[in-house]
PDB file of N, CA and C in Angstrom:
ATOM      1  N   MET A   1      29.834-110.756 158.391  1.00  0.00           N
ATOM      2  CA  MET A   1      29.387-109.384 158.398  1.00  0.00           C
ATOM      3  C   MET A   1      29.958-108.698 157.158  1.00  0.00           C
ATOM      4  N   GLN A   2      29.112-108.071 156.423  1.00  0.00           N
ATOM      5  CA  GLN A   2      29.529-107.428 155.179  1.00  0.00           C
ATOM      6  C   GLN A   2      30.109-106.038 155.385  1.00  0.00           C
ATOM      7  N   TRP A   3      29.742-105.365 156.456  1.00  0.00           N
ATOM      8  CA  TRP A   3      30.247-104.020 156.698  1.00  0.00           C
ATOM      9  C   TRP A   3      30.179-103.717 158.187  1.00  0.00           C
ATOM     10  N   TYR A   4      30.924-102.690 158.599  1.00  0.00           N
ATOM     11  CA  TYR A   4      30.839-102.179 159.959  1.00  0.00           C
ATOM     12  C   TYR A   4      31.109-100.686 159.939  1.00  0.00           C
ATOM     13  N   LYS A   5      30.578 -99.983 160.918  1.00  0.00           N
ATOM     14  CA  LYS A   5      30.783 -98.542 160.998  1.00  0.00           C
ATOM     15  C   LYS A   5      32.223 -98.250 161.413  1.00  0.00           C
ATOM     16  N   HIS A   6      32.794 -97.274 160.746  1.00  0.00           N
ATOM     17  CA  HIS A   6      34.161 -96.855 161.052  1.00  0.00           C
ATOM     18  C   HIS A   6      34.118 -95.360 161.371  1.00  0.00           C
ATOM     19  N   TYR A   7      34.317 -95.030 162.616  1.00  0.00           N
ATOM     20  CA  TYR A   7      34.294 -93.639 163.043  1.00  0.00           C
ATOM     21  C   TYR A   7      35.712 -93.089 162.964  1.00  0.00           C
ATOM     22  N   VAL A   8      35.944 -92.278 161.947  1.00  0.00           N
ATOM     23  CA  VAL A   8      37.293 -91.807 161.636  1.00  0.00           C
ATOM     24  C   VAL A   8      37.909 -91.076 162.825  1.00  0.00           C
ATOM     25  N   ALA A   9      37.183 -90.176 163.444  1.00  0.00           N
ATOM     26  CA  ALA A   9      37.741 -89.414 164.569  1.00  0.00           C
ATOM     27  C   ALA A   9      38.130 -90.336 165.722  1.00  0.00           C
ATOM     28  N   ASP A  10      37.282 -91.298 166.040  1.00  0.00           N
ATOM     29  CA  ASP A  10      37.600 -92.244 167.117  1.00  0.00           C
ATOM     30  C   ASP A  10      38.828 -93.075 166.763  1.00  0.00           C
ATOM     31  N   TYR A  11      38.860 -93.563 165.524  1.00  0.00           N
ATOM     32  CA  TYR A  11      40.004 -94.368 165.082  1.00  0.00           C
ATOM     33  C   TYR A  11      41.293 -93.542 165.179  1.00  0.00           C
ATOM     34  N   GLN A  12      41.262 -92.325 164.671  1.00  0.00           N
ATOM     35  CA  GLN A  12      42.461 -91.481 164.693  1.00  0.00           C
ATOM     36  C   GLN A  12      42.901 -91.170 166.115  1.00  0.00           C
ATOM     37  N   GLN A  13      41.944 -90.944 166.996  1.00  0.00           N
ATOM     38  CA  GLN A  13      42.275 -90.646 168.392  1.00  0.00           C
ATOM     39  C   GLN A  13      42.970 -91.835 169.059  1.00  0.00           C
ATOM     40  N   ASP A  14      42.480 -93.024 168.782  1.00  0.00           N
ATOM     41  CA  ASP A  14      43.013 -94.227 169.434  1.00  0.00           C
ATOM     42  C   ASP A  14      44.284 -94.759 168.786  1.00  0.00           C
ATOM     43  N   THR A  15      44.596 -94.302 167.566  1.00  0.00           N
ATOM     44  CA  THR A  15      45.714 -94.900 166.822  1.00  0.00           C
ATOM     45  C   THR A  15      46.718 -93.863 166.314  1.00  0.00           C
ATOM     46  N   ALA A  16      46.692 -92.665 166.863  1.00  0.00           N
ATOM     47  CA  ALA A  16      47.532 -91.577 166.357  1.00  0.00           C
ATOM     48  C   ALA A  16      49.018 -91.913 166.381  1.00  0.00           C
ATOM     49  N   ASP A  17      49.436 -92.782 167.266  1.00  0.00           N
ATOM     50  CA  ASP A  17      50.859 -93.099 167.404  1.00  0.00           C
ATOM     51  C   ASP A  17      51.304 -94.304 166.575  1.00  0.00           C
ATOM     52  N   LEU A  18      50.394 -94.920 165.812  1.00  0.00           N
ATOM     53  CA  LEU A  18      50.759 -96.112 165.046  1.00  0.00           C
ATOM     54  C   LEU A  18      51.542 -95.746 163.790  1.00  0.00           C
ATOM     55  N   THR A  19      52.429 -96.650 163.396  1.00  0.00           N
ATOM     56  CA  THR A  19      53.131 -96.496 162.129  1.00  0.00           C
ATOM     57  C   THR A  19      52.212 -96.949 160.998  1.00  0.00           C
ATOM     58  N   LEU A  20      52.632 -96.695 159.780  1.00  0.00           N
ATOM     59  CA  LEU A  20      51.837 -97.119 158.626  1.00  0.00           C
ATOM     60  C   LEU A  20      51.670 -98.640 158.615  1.00  0.00           C
ATOM     61  N   ILE A  21      52.722 -99.367 158.939  1.00  0.00           N
ATOM     62  CA  ILE A  21      52.644-100.835 158.984  1.00  0.00           C
ATOM     63  C   ILE A  21      51.678-101.281 160.074  1.00  0.00           C
ATOM     64  N   GLU A  22      51.716-100.620 161.227  1.00  0.00           N
ATOM     65  CA  GLU A  22      50.816-100.979 162.322  1.00  0.00           C
ATOM     66  C   GLU A  22      49.358-100.686 161.957  1.00  0.00           C
ATOM     67  N   HIS A  23      49.111 -99.590 161.249  1.00  0.00           N
ATOM     68  CA  HIS A  23      47.747 -99.315 160.786  1.00  0.00           C
ATOM     69  C   HIS A  23      47.262-100.441 159.878  1.00  0.00           C
ATOM     70  N   GLY A  24      48.117-100.878 158.967  1.00  0.00           N
ATOM     71  CA  GLY A  24      47.737-101.966 158.068  1.00  0.00           C
ATOM     72  C   GLY A  24      47.431-103.246 158.821  1.00  0.00           C
ATOM     73  N   ALA A  25      48.254-103.550 159.814  1.00  0.00           N
ATOM     74  CA  ALA A  25      48.020-104.753 160.620  1.00  0.00           C
ATOM     75  C   ALA A  25      46.701-104.644 161.378  1.00  0.00           C
ATOM     76  N   TYR A  26      46.447-103.489 161.945  1.00  0.00           N
ATOM     77  CA  TYR A  26      45.221-103.290 162.725  1.00  0.00           C
ATOM     78  C   TYR A  26      43.985-103.430 161.842  1.00  0.00           C
ATOM     79  N   ARG A  27      43.984-102.767 160.693  1.00  0.00           N
ATOM     80  CA  ARG A  27      42.823-102.837 159.810  1.00  0.00           C
ATOM     81  C   ARG A  27      42.621-104.258 159.279  1.00  0.00           C
ATOM     82  N   SER A  28      43.708-104.960 158.973  1.00  0.00           N
ATOM     83  CA  SER A  28      43.588-106.352 158.512  1.00  0.00           C
ATOM     84  C   SER A  28      43.001-107.240 159.592  1.00  0.00           C
ATOM     85  N   LEU A  29      43.449-107.048 160.827  1.00  0.00           N
ATOM     86  CA  LEU A  29      42.924-107.843 161.935  1.00  0.00           C
ATOM     87  C   LEU A  29      41.468-107.493 162.227  1.00  0.00           C
ATOM     88  N   LEU A  30      41.122-106.207 162.162  1.00  0.00           N
ATOM     89  CA  LEU A  30      39.718-105.814 162.342  1.00  0.00           C
ATOM     90  C   LEU A  30      38.840-106.456 161.282  1.00  0.00           C
ATOM     91  N   ASP A  31      39.275-106.396 160.034  1.00  0.00           N
ATOM     92  CA  ASP A  31      38.501-107.000 158.951  1.00  0.00           C
ATOM     93  C   ASP A  31      38.319-108.496 159.176  1.00  0.00           C
ATOM     94  N   ALA A  32      39.383-109.174 159.577  1.00  0.00           N
ATOM     95  CA  ALA A  32      39.297-110.614 159.830  1.00  0.00           C
ATOM     96  C   ALA A  32      38.344-110.905 160.984  1.00  0.00           C
ATOM     97  N   TYR A  33      38.421-110.097 162.028  1.00  0.00           N
ATOM     98  CA  TYR A  33      37.548-110.268 163.191  1.00  0.00           C
ATOM     99  C   TYR A  33      36.081-110.108 162.807  1.00  0.00           C
ATOM    100  N   TYR A  34      35.775-109.034 162.100  1.00  0.00           N
ATOM    101  CA  TYR A  34      34.379-108.784 161.733  1.00  0.00           C
ATOM    102  C   TYR A  34      33.879-109.757 160.673  1.00  0.00           C
ATOM    103  N   GLN A  35      34.734-110.167 159.777  1.00  0.00           N
ATOM    104  CA  GLN A  35      34.318-111.128 158.759  1.00  0.00           C
ATOM    105  C   GLN A  35      33.959-112.468 159.399  1.00  0.00           C
ATOM    106  N   ARG A  36      34.740-112.884 160.377  1.00  0.00           N
ATOM    107  CA  ARG A  36      34.502-114.166 161.045  1.00  0.00           C
ATOM    108  C   ARG A  36      33.354-114.101 162.044  1.00  0.00           C
ATOM    109  N   GLU A  37      33.090-112.907 162.559  1.00  0.00           N
ATOM    110  CA  GLU A  37      32.092-112.727 163.608  1.00  0.00           C
ATOM    111  C   GLU A  37      32.376-113.620 164.809  1.00  0.00           C
ATOM    112  N   SER A  38      33.654-113.792 165.101  1.00  0.00           N
ATOM    113  CA  SER A  38      34.098-114.581 166.244  1.00  0.00           C
ATOM    114  C   SER A  38      35.519-114.154 166.581  1.00  0.00           C
ATOM    115  N   PRO A  39      36.015-114.559 167.746  1.00  0.00           N
ATOM    116  CA  PRO A  39      37.381-114.171 168.108  1.00  0.00           C
ATOM    117  C   PRO A  39      38.396-114.626 167.064  1.00  0.00           C
ATOM    118  N   LEU A  40      39.490-113.882 166.989  1.00  0.00           N
ATOM    119  CA  LEU A  40      40.573-114.265 166.089  1.00  0.00           C
ATOM    120  C   LEU A  40      41.236-115.540 166.591  1.00  0.00           C
ATOM    121  N   PRO A  41      41.812-116.334 165.699  1.00  0.00           N
ATOM    122  CA  PRO A  41      42.534-117.531 166.140  1.00  0.00           C
ATOM    123  C   PRO A  41      43.746-117.130 166.978  1.00  0.00           C
ATOM    124  N   SER A  42      44.181-117.997 167.843  1.00  0.00           N
ATOM    125  CA  SER A  42      45.338-117.703 168.697  1.00  0.00           C
ATOM    126  C   SER A  42      46.666-118.099 168.042  1.00  0.00           C
ATOM    127  N   ASP A  43      46.616-118.809 166.950  1.00  0.00           N
ATOM    128  CA  ASP A  43      47.809-119.268 166.241  1.00  0.00           C
ATOM    129  C   ASP A  43      48.448-118.109 165.466  1.00  0.00           C
ATOM    130  N   LEU A  44      49.639-117.666 165.912  1.00  0.00           N
ATOM    131  CA  LEU A  44      50.309-116.538 165.263  1.00  0.00           C
ATOM    132  C   LEU A  44      50.615-116.806 163.800  1.00  0.00           C
ATOM    133  N   SER A  45      51.004-118.006 163.461  1.00  0.00           N
ATOM    134  CA  SER A  45      51.305-118.326 162.064  1.00  0.00           C
ATOM    135  C   SER A  45      50.086-118.093 161.179  1.00  0.00           C
ATOM    136  N   LEU A  46      48.934-118.481 161.658  1.00  0.00           N
ATOM    137  CA  LEU A  46      47.700-118.266 160.916  1.00  0.00           C
ATOM    138  C   LEU A  46      47.378-116.774 160.820  1.00  0.00           C
ATOM    139  N   LEU A  47      47.585-116.044 161.882  1.00  0.00           N
ATOM    140  CA  LEU A  47      47.331-114.603 161.867  1.00  0.00           C
ATOM    141  C   LEU A  47      48.283-113.878 160.923  1.00  0.00           C
ATOM    142  N   TYR A  48      49.518-114.346 160.834  1.00  0.00           N
ATOM    143  CA  TYR A  48      50.461-113.754 159.876  1.00  0.00           C
ATOM    144  C   TYR A  48      49.963-113.976 158.438  1.00  0.00           C
ATOM    145  N   ARG A  49      49.409-115.155 158.187  1.00  0.00           N
ATOM    146  CA  ARG A  49      48.871-115.433 156.842  1.00  0.00           C
ATOM    147  C   ARG A  49      47.635-114.582 156.558  1.00  0.00           C
ATOM    148  N   ILE A  50      46.771-114.454 157.545  1.00  0.00           N
ATOM    149  CA  ILE A  50      45.555-113.655 157.390  1.00  0.00           C
ATOM    150  C   ILE A  50      45.894-112.201 157.066  1.00  0.00           C
ATOM    151  N   THR A  51      46.916-111.669 157.714  1.00  0.00           N
ATOM    152  CA  THR A  51      47.284-110.260 157.537  1.00  0.00           C
ATOM    153  C   THR A  51      48.336-110.056 156.452  1.00  0.00           C
ATOM    154  N   HIS A  52      48.800-111.124 155.843  1.00  0.00           N
ATOM    155  CA  HIS A  52      49.859-111.060 154.818  1.00  0.00           C
ATOM    156  C   HIS A  52      51.146-110.472 155.378  1.00  0.00           C
ATOM    157  N   ALA A  53      51.440-110.812 156.623  1.00  0.00           N
ATOM    158  CA  ALA A  53      52.643-110.321 157.294  1.00  0.00           C
ATOM    159  C   ALA A  53      53.804-111.263 156.959  1.00  0.00           C
ATOM    160  N   HIS A  54      54.685-110.819 156.083  1.00  0.00           N
ATOM    161  CA  HIS A  54      55.778-111.667 155.623  1.00  0.00           C
ATOM    162  C   HIS A  54      57.133-111.268 156.204  1.00  0.00           C
ATOM    163  N   THR A  55      57.338-109.985 156.437  1.00  0.00           N
ATOM    164  CA  THR A  55      58.646-109.524 156.922  1.00  0.00           C
ATOM    165  C   THR A  55      58.664-109.481 158.449  1.00  0.00           C
ATOM    166  N   ARG A  56      59.850-109.373 158.999  1.00  0.00           N
ATOM    167  CA  ARG A  56      60.007-109.286 160.455  1.00  0.00           C
ATOM    168  C   ARG A  56      59.236-108.077 160.993  1.00  0.00           C
ATOM    169  N   ARG A  57      59.348-106.926 160.341  1.00  0.00           N
ATOM    170  CA  ARG A  57      58.672-105.712 160.808  1.00  0.00           C
ATOM    171  C   ARG A  57      57.158-105.864 160.754  1.00  0.00           C
ATOM    172  N   GLU A  58      56.652-106.504 159.731  1.00  0.00           N
ATOM    173  CA  GLU A  58      55.208-106.722 159.623  1.00  0.00           C
ATOM    174  C   GLU A  58      54.717-107.650 160.730  1.00  0.00           C
ATOM    175  N   ARG A  59      55.480-108.684 161.007  1.00  0.00           N
ATOM    176  CA  ARG A  59      55.084-109.627 162.064  1.00  0.00           C
ATOM    177  C   ARG A  59      55.169-108.980 163.440  1.00  0.00           C
ATOM    178  N   GLU A  60      56.154-108.131 163.657  1.00  0.00           N
ATOM    179  CA  GLU A  60      56.239-107.377 164.910  1.00  0.00           C
ATOM    180  C   GLU A  60      55.025-106.469 165.068  1.00  0.00           C
ATOM    181  N   ALA A  61      54.611-105.852 163.976  1.00  0.00           N
ATOM    182  CA  ALA A  61      53.440-104.980 164.013  1.00  0.00           C
ATOM    183  C   ALA A  61      52.183-105.774 164.365  1.00  0.00           C
ATOM    184  N   VAL A  62      52.021-106.938 163.781  1.00  0.00           N
ATOM    185  CA  VAL A  62      50.861-107.781 164.089  1.00  0.00           C
ATOM    186  C   VAL A  62      50.852-108.134 165.571  1.00  0.00           C
ATOM    187  N   ARG A  63      51.985-108.548 166.108  1.00  0.00           N
ATOM    188  CA  ARG A  63      52.055-108.901 167.536  1.00  0.00           C
ATOM    189  C   ARG A  63      51.732-107.698 168.429  1.00  0.00           C
ATOM    190  N   MET A  64      52.270-106.529 168.079  1.00  0.00           N
ATOM    191  CA  MET A  64      52.027-105.329 168.871  1.00  0.00           C
ATOM    192  C   MET A  64      50.545-104.970 168.862  1.00  0.00           C
ATOM    193  N   ILE A  65      49.920-105.026 167.694  1.00  0.00           N
ATOM    194  CA  ILE A  65      48.490-104.699 167.591  1.00  0.00           C
ATOM    195  C   ILE A  65      47.646-105.711 168.362  1.00  0.00           C
ATOM    196  N   LEU A  66      47.981-106.978 168.258  1.00  0.00           N
ATOM    197  CA  LEU A  66      47.249-107.998 169.021  1.00  0.00           C
ATOM    198  C   LEU A  66      47.337-107.716 170.515  1.00  0.00           C
ATOM    199  N   ASN A  67      48.523-107.414 171.001  1.00  0.00           N
ATOM    200  CA  ASN A  67      48.712-107.144 172.422  1.00  0.00           C
ATOM    201  C   ASN A  67      47.968-105.883 172.874  1.00  0.00           C
ATOM    202  N   ARG A  68      47.963-104.891 172.043  1.00  0.00           N
ATOM    203  CA  ARG A  68      47.373-103.604 172.428  1.00  0.00           C
ATOM    204  C   ARG A  68      45.852-103.551 172.275  1.00  0.00           C
ATOM    205  N   PHE A  69      45.329-104.101 171.202  1.00  0.00           N
ATOM    206  CA  PHE A  69      43.919-103.918 170.905  1.00  0.00           C
ATOM    207  C   PHE A  69      43.065-105.183 171.031  1.00  0.00           C
ATOM    208  N   PHE A  70      43.678-106.337 171.030  1.00  0.00           N
ATOM    209  CA  PHE A  70      42.902-107.569 171.077  1.00  0.00           C
ATOM    210  C   PHE A  70      43.224-108.358 172.326  1.00  0.00           C
TER     211      PHE A  70
END
């Protein structure tokens, strides 16, 4: 999929409590999901590579977003 609709008000309403790192993780995971047009892989190591999550805080953010939104 080359593009998807992004409703700013809906996104802001659902993610108002996220940190900047969590927003980055969420958008990276959304992009990966829509690009693949299939469920995300279950392998955390692969998801860390997909989202470029290198630090402990970035990886925690990826896990939190996966648990909350996926």
